[in-house]
Protein backbone atom coordinates (compact mmCIF):
# COMPACT_ATOMS: atom_id res chain seq x y z
CA MET A 1 -110.66 92.76 -27.83
CA LYS A 2 -113.15 93.71 -25.13
CA SER A 3 -111.73 93.83 -21.59
CA VAL A 4 -113.01 91.71 -18.74
CA ASP A 5 -116.16 93.28 -17.25
CA TRP A 6 -114.80 94.13 -13.81
CA THR A 7 -116.42 97.57 -14.03
CA PRO A 8 -119.03 99.07 -16.39
CA TYR A 9 -116.28 101.02 -18.21
CA ASP A 10 -114.25 99.32 -20.94
CA ASP A 11 -111.44 101.89 -20.78
CA VAL A 12 -111.10 101.48 -17.00
CA ASN A 13 -111.07 97.71 -17.43
CA GLY A 14 -108.33 98.05 -20.07
CA ILE A 15 -106.03 99.90 -17.68
CA LEU A 16 -106.70 97.40 -14.92
CA ARG A 17 -106.01 94.47 -17.23
CA ARG A 18 -102.64 96.02 -18.14
CA VAL A 19 -101.72 96.44 -14.46
CA LEU A 20 -102.87 92.93 -13.61
CA THR A 21 -100.98 91.28 -16.47
CA GLY A 22 -97.80 93.21 -15.74
CA ALA A 23 -97.92 92.73 -11.97
CA ARG A 24 -98.43 88.99 -12.32
CA VAL A 25 -95.40 88.64 -14.57
CA ILE A 26 -93.16 90.83 -12.40
CA LEU A 27 -94.20 89.43 -9.02
CA GLY A 28 -94.48 85.78 -10.02
CA ASN A 29 -95.10 83.64 -6.95
CA ASN A 30 -95.16 86.79 -4.81
CA PHE A 31 -98.45 87.87 -6.43
CA VAL A 32 -101.61 87.17 -4.41
CA GLY A 33 -104.34 89.30 -5.93
CA LEU A 34 -105.57 92.61 -7.35
CA TYR A 35 -108.47 94.44 -5.73
CA LEU A 36 -110.49 97.63 -6.12
CA ASP A 37 -111.63 99.96 -3.36
CA GLY A 38 -112.65 103.60 -3.38
CA SER A 39 -115.57 104.85 -5.44
CA LEU A 40 -115.50 101.93 -7.88
CA ALA A 41 -116.15 99.61 -4.94
CA SER A 42 -118.60 101.84 -3.08
CA GLY A 43 -120.76 102.45 -6.15
CA ASP A 44 -120.33 106.24 -6.36
CA PHE A 45 -117.77 106.32 -9.16
CA ASN A 46 -117.90 109.52 -11.24
CA TYR A 47 -116.51 109.03 -14.74
CA GLU A 48 -115.43 112.67 -14.95
CA THR A 49 -113.77 113.20 -11.56
CA SER A 50 -113.01 109.87 -9.84
CA ASP A 51 -109.75 107.94 -9.89
CA ILE A 52 -109.02 104.20 -9.81
CA ASP A 53 -108.23 102.98 -6.31
CA PHE A 54 -106.52 99.59 -6.22
CA VAL A 55 -104.49 97.29 -3.99
CA VAL A 56 -102.15 94.51 -5.05
CA ALA A 57 -101.67 91.93 -2.30
CA THR A 58 -98.29 90.20 -2.17
CA VAL A 59 -97.03 87.23 -0.16
CA THR A 60 -94.07 89.17 1.20
CA ALA A 61 -92.72 92.69 0.71
CA VAL A 62 -91.85 93.67 -2.85
CA THR A 63 -88.13 93.14 -3.49
CA PRO A 64 -85.87 95.92 -4.86
CA SER A 65 -85.71 94.26 -8.29
CA GLN A 66 -89.48 93.77 -8.37
CA PHE A 67 -89.98 97.38 -7.35
CA ALA A 68 -87.77 98.60 -10.20
CA GLU A 69 -89.79 96.56 -12.69
CA LEU A 70 -93.08 97.80 -11.23
CA VAL A 71 -91.88 101.38 -11.64
CA GLY A 72 -91.32 100.59 -15.31
CA LEU A 73 -94.76 98.98 -15.60
CA HIS A 74 -96.53 102.03 -14.21
CA GLY A 75 -94.43 104.28 -16.39
CA ARG A 76 -95.64 102.40 -19.45
CA VAL A 77 -99.23 102.43 -18.22
CA GLY A 78 -98.96 106.19 -17.76
CA GLN A 79 -98.11 106.58 -21.45
CA MET A 80 -101.16 104.66 -22.66
CA ASN A 81 -103.70 106.50 -24.81
CA SER A 82 -106.40 106.58 -22.15
CA LYS A 83 -107.89 109.20 -19.87
CA TRP A 84 -107.24 106.75 -17.04
CA ALA A 85 -103.54 106.26 -17.75
CA ASN A 86 -102.58 108.65 -14.94
CA GLU A 87 -105.59 108.16 -12.69
CA LEU A 88 -104.36 105.17 -10.70
CA GLU A 89 -104.02 105.38 -6.93
CA GLY A 90 -102.97 102.33 -4.98
CA ALA A 91 -100.34 100.26 -3.22
CA TYR A 92 -98.56 96.90 -3.20
CA ILE A 93 -99.05 95.52 0.32
CA PRO A 94 -97.88 92.18 1.76
CA LEU A 95 -100.44 89.96 3.46
CA ASP A 96 -99.23 90.57 7.02
CA ALA A 97 -99.57 94.33 6.60
CA LEU A 98 -102.80 94.18 4.62
CA ARG A 99 -104.83 92.45 7.32
CA CYS A 100 -104.91 95.46 9.63
CA TYR A 101 -103.23 98.85 9.71
CA ASP A 102 -100.01 99.02 11.70
CA PRO A 103 -98.10 102.33 11.44
CA ALA A 104 -94.88 100.42 12.17
CA ASN A 105 -95.46 98.28 9.07
CA ALA A 106 -96.96 100.77 6.64
CA THR A 107 -94.24 101.65 4.12
CA HIS A 108 -95.05 100.11 0.75
CA PRO A 109 -94.81 100.85 -2.98
CA TYR A 110 -97.50 103.44 -3.67
CA ILE A 111 -98.70 105.52 -6.63
CA ASP A 112 -101.19 108.38 -6.69
CA ARG A 113 -102.90 110.02 -9.65
CA GLY A 114 -100.39 111.68 -11.91
CA GLY A 115 -97.47 110.39 -9.86
CA VAL A 116 -94.83 107.70 -10.08
CA LEU A 117 -94.57 104.51 -8.04
CA ARG A 118 -92.49 105.16 -4.92
CA TRP A 119 -91.96 103.82 -1.42
CA GLU A 120 -94.40 105.66 0.80
CA HIS A 121 -95.46 105.50 4.44
CA LEU A 122 -99.23 105.07 4.28
CA GLU A 123 -101.12 107.18 6.81
CA THR A 124 -104.27 106.37 8.78
CA ASP A 125 -106.52 106.92 5.76
CA TRP A 126 -105.53 103.34 4.93
CA VAL A 127 -107.68 102.22 7.87
CA ILE A 128 -110.56 103.60 5.80
CA HIS A 129 -109.25 101.92 2.65
CA ARG A 130 -109.20 98.60 4.50
CA HIS A 131 -112.76 99.12 5.71
CA ILE A 132 -113.94 99.68 2.14
CA LEU A 133 -111.99 96.64 0.97
CA HIS A 134 -113.55 94.47 3.66
CA THR A 135 -117.12 95.69 3.17
CA SER A 136 -117.34 96.26 -0.58
CA GLY A 137 -113.94 95.62 -2.21
CA ILE A 138 -113.96 94.10 -5.70
CA THR A 139 -111.74 91.08 -6.36
CA LEU A 140 -110.19 91.16 -9.83
CA ALA A 141 -107.79 88.28 -9.20
CA GLY A 142 -106.86 86.15 -6.21
CA PRO A 143 -108.81 85.02 -3.15
CA PRO A 144 -111.76 87.16 -2.01
CA ILE A 145 -110.42 90.35 -0.46
CA GLN A 146 -112.76 89.94 2.53
CA THR A 147 -110.67 86.93 3.60
CA LEU A 148 -107.47 89.01 3.64
CA VAL A 149 -108.61 92.09 5.58
CA ASP A 150 -109.99 92.18 9.12
CA PRO A 151 -113.20 94.11 9.91
CA VAL A 152 -112.64 97.69 11.07
CA THR A 153 -114.59 98.87 14.12
CA PRO A 154 -116.51 102.17 14.22
CA ASP A 155 -114.11 103.54 16.84
CA ASP A 156 -111.12 102.57 14.69
CA LEU A 157 -112.69 104.52 11.82
CA ARG A 158 -113.25 107.54 14.05
CA GLN A 159 -109.66 107.44 15.30
CA ALA A 160 -108.40 107.12 11.73
CA VAL A 161 -110.34 110.23 10.72
CA ILE A 162 -108.97 112.18 13.67
CA GLY A 163 -105.41 111.08 12.89
CA LEU A 164 -105.80 111.96 9.22
CA PHE A 165 -107.28 115.36 10.05
CA ASN A 166 -104.42 116.17 12.40
CA PHE A 167 -101.82 114.99 9.88
CA TRP A 168 -103.17 116.68 6.77
CA TRP A 169 -105.79 119.30 7.50
CA VAL A 170 -104.57 120.99 10.66
CA PRO A 171 -101.48 122.31 8.80
CA MET A 172 -103.81 123.59 6.08
CA THR A 173 -105.69 125.70 8.60
CA GLN A 174 -102.38 127.45 9.19
CA ASN A 175 -101.33 127.66 5.53
CA PRO A 176 -104.40 127.39 3.26
CA VAL A 177 -102.63 128.13 -0.01
CA GLN A 178 -103.98 124.95 -1.69
CA LEU A 179 -107.54 126.06 -1.02
CA VAL A 180 -107.13 128.92 -3.49
CA GLU A 181 -107.55 126.41 -6.33
CA GLU A 182 -111.27 125.85 -6.87
CA GLY A 183 -111.06 122.12 -7.58
CA TYR A 184 -109.09 121.46 -4.41
CA ARG A 185 -111.49 123.62 -2.41
CA ARG A 186 -114.41 121.45 -3.60
CA TYR A 187 -112.43 118.36 -2.61
CA ALA A 188 -111.74 119.83 0.83
CA VAL A 189 -115.38 120.66 1.52
CA LEU A 190 -116.57 117.19 0.46
CA THR A 191 -113.82 115.57 2.51
CA MET A 192 -114.95 117.48 5.60
CA CYS A 193 -118.49 116.18 5.00
CA ARG A 194 -117.16 112.64 4.76
CA MET A 195 -115.08 113.00 7.93
CA LEU A 196 -118.01 114.44 9.84
CA TYR A 197 -120.24 111.60 8.72
CA THR A 198 -117.72 109.04 9.97
CA LEU A 199 -117.24 110.83 13.28
CA HIS A 200 -121.00 111.04 13.77
CA ARG A 201 -122.00 107.58 12.51
CA GLY A 202 -118.87 105.45 12.80
CA GLN A 203 -119.33 104.41 9.17
CA VAL A 204 -117.82 105.32 5.80
CA VAL A 205 -119.72 106.50 2.75
CA SER A 206 -118.65 108.16 -0.48
CA LYS A 207 -118.14 111.92 -0.66
CA PRO A 208 -121.41 112.50 -2.59
CA ALA A 209 -123.38 110.45 -0.05
CA ALA A 210 -121.71 112.28 2.84
CA ALA A 211 -122.50 115.63 1.24
CA ARG A 212 -126.18 114.69 0.91
CA TRP A 213 -126.19 113.71 4.58
CA ALA A 214 -124.48 116.96 5.52
CA LEU A 215 -127.13 119.01 3.74
CA ALA A 216 -129.78 117.35 5.90
CA HIS A 217 -127.95 117.44 9.22
CA LEU A 218 -125.46 120.32 9.41
CA GLU A 219 -126.36 123.92 10.18
CA THR A 220 -128.06 125.63 7.26
CA ARG A 221 -125.28 128.21 7.00
CA TRP A 222 -123.09 125.50 5.41
CA ARG A 223 -125.67 124.61 2.74
CA PRO A 224 -124.51 127.02 -0.03
CA LEU A 225 -120.91 125.89 0.37
CA ILE A 226 -121.77 122.19 0.28
CA GLU A 227 -124.13 122.56 -2.69
CA TRP A 228 -121.39 124.43 -4.53
CA ALA A 229 -118.87 121.68 -3.76
CA MET A 230 -121.35 119.09 -5.06
CA GLY A 231 -121.62 120.99 -8.34
CA ARG A 232 -125.38 121.32 -8.10
CA PRO A 233 -126.92 123.37 -10.95
CA THR A 234 -128.80 125.52 -8.43
CA ALA A 235 -125.64 126.43 -6.54
CA VAL A 236 -124.60 130.06 -6.94
CA PRO A 237 -120.90 130.51 -7.80
CA THR A 238 -119.23 132.60 -5.16
CA ASN A 239 -115.88 133.61 -3.79
CA ASN A 240 -116.13 131.13 -0.93
CA LEU A 241 -112.50 130.67 0.09
CA ASN A 242 -113.23 132.17 3.50
CA ASP A 243 -116.32 129.95 3.91
CA ALA A 244 -114.27 126.84 3.11
CA GLN A 245 -111.62 127.84 5.65
CA GLN A 246 -114.32 128.38 8.29
CA PHE A 247 -115.83 124.96 7.51
CA ILE A 248 -112.47 123.25 8.00
CA GLN A 249 -111.90 125.25 11.18
CA ALA A 250 -115.35 124.24 12.48
CA THR A 251 -114.52 120.61 11.80
CA LYS A 252 -111.27 121.06 13.69
CA THR A 253 -113.18 122.55 16.64
CA LEU A 254 -115.56 119.58 16.67
CA ILE A 255 -112.66 117.14 16.68
CA LEU A 256 -110.82 118.98 19.45
CA THR A 257 -113.88 119.40 21.68
CA ASN A 258 -115.97 116.39 20.63
CA ASN A 259 -118.90 118.81 20.75
CA GLU A 260 -121.20 118.53 17.76
CA ARG A 261 -123.03 121.74 18.53
CA TYR A 262 -120.40 123.58 16.54
CA LEU A 263 -121.72 122.14 13.29
CA PHE A 264 -125.03 120.35 13.74
CA GLN A 265 -128.53 121.76 13.81
């Protein structure tokens, strides 16, 4: 039977239907709705490289027994015969915590691609998730997501980017071992483009859109690295680990000094 047409992809819809059906049964009256954010919501979903970003809204916090059953649900979903079985990334968030990000109320059941559902403290990137939910989130079930999430201001987005950079990327400037892997290095370069866009514009766009903006606005010395990260056919493969480290370091300098001359033309 054909899945509901939430997205243009039947196999993605099939995974989402399985999560929705299972979550409704497990959560019962605690279930509010299921929503999509990320690239599926923003319109820049890449069938080969993207994941499925979702949020389940609950009335109150998930109980221990509900959590145990949800772990089982995601374990079964992960064994499905689908390329998307282990490409889910999302959280189960109660209504009071979903409306706006509060670091004192940010520990919720969370799963990332290839992982297992666990209790996780969600960092400031969830300010950005909430912005996407409010501006372009897709409602699969429940009340419209825009009624459950407050608008996020440009300054809140900028502060979220700074907090996320300090939490995740500053340590990587000191120990860049993950950057050795080419796929992660591409991700890092595109993420820097996205962060720079938000710092400059106070808005959020997808990584591909941010990379296109970066090509037009950053110093030309970064062009080969960004084109390589975008996977453009004209990009020349190169040993660019040092270039990627310098790009992250330049982003760090911009954040610390608030001086865009370090990166912009």
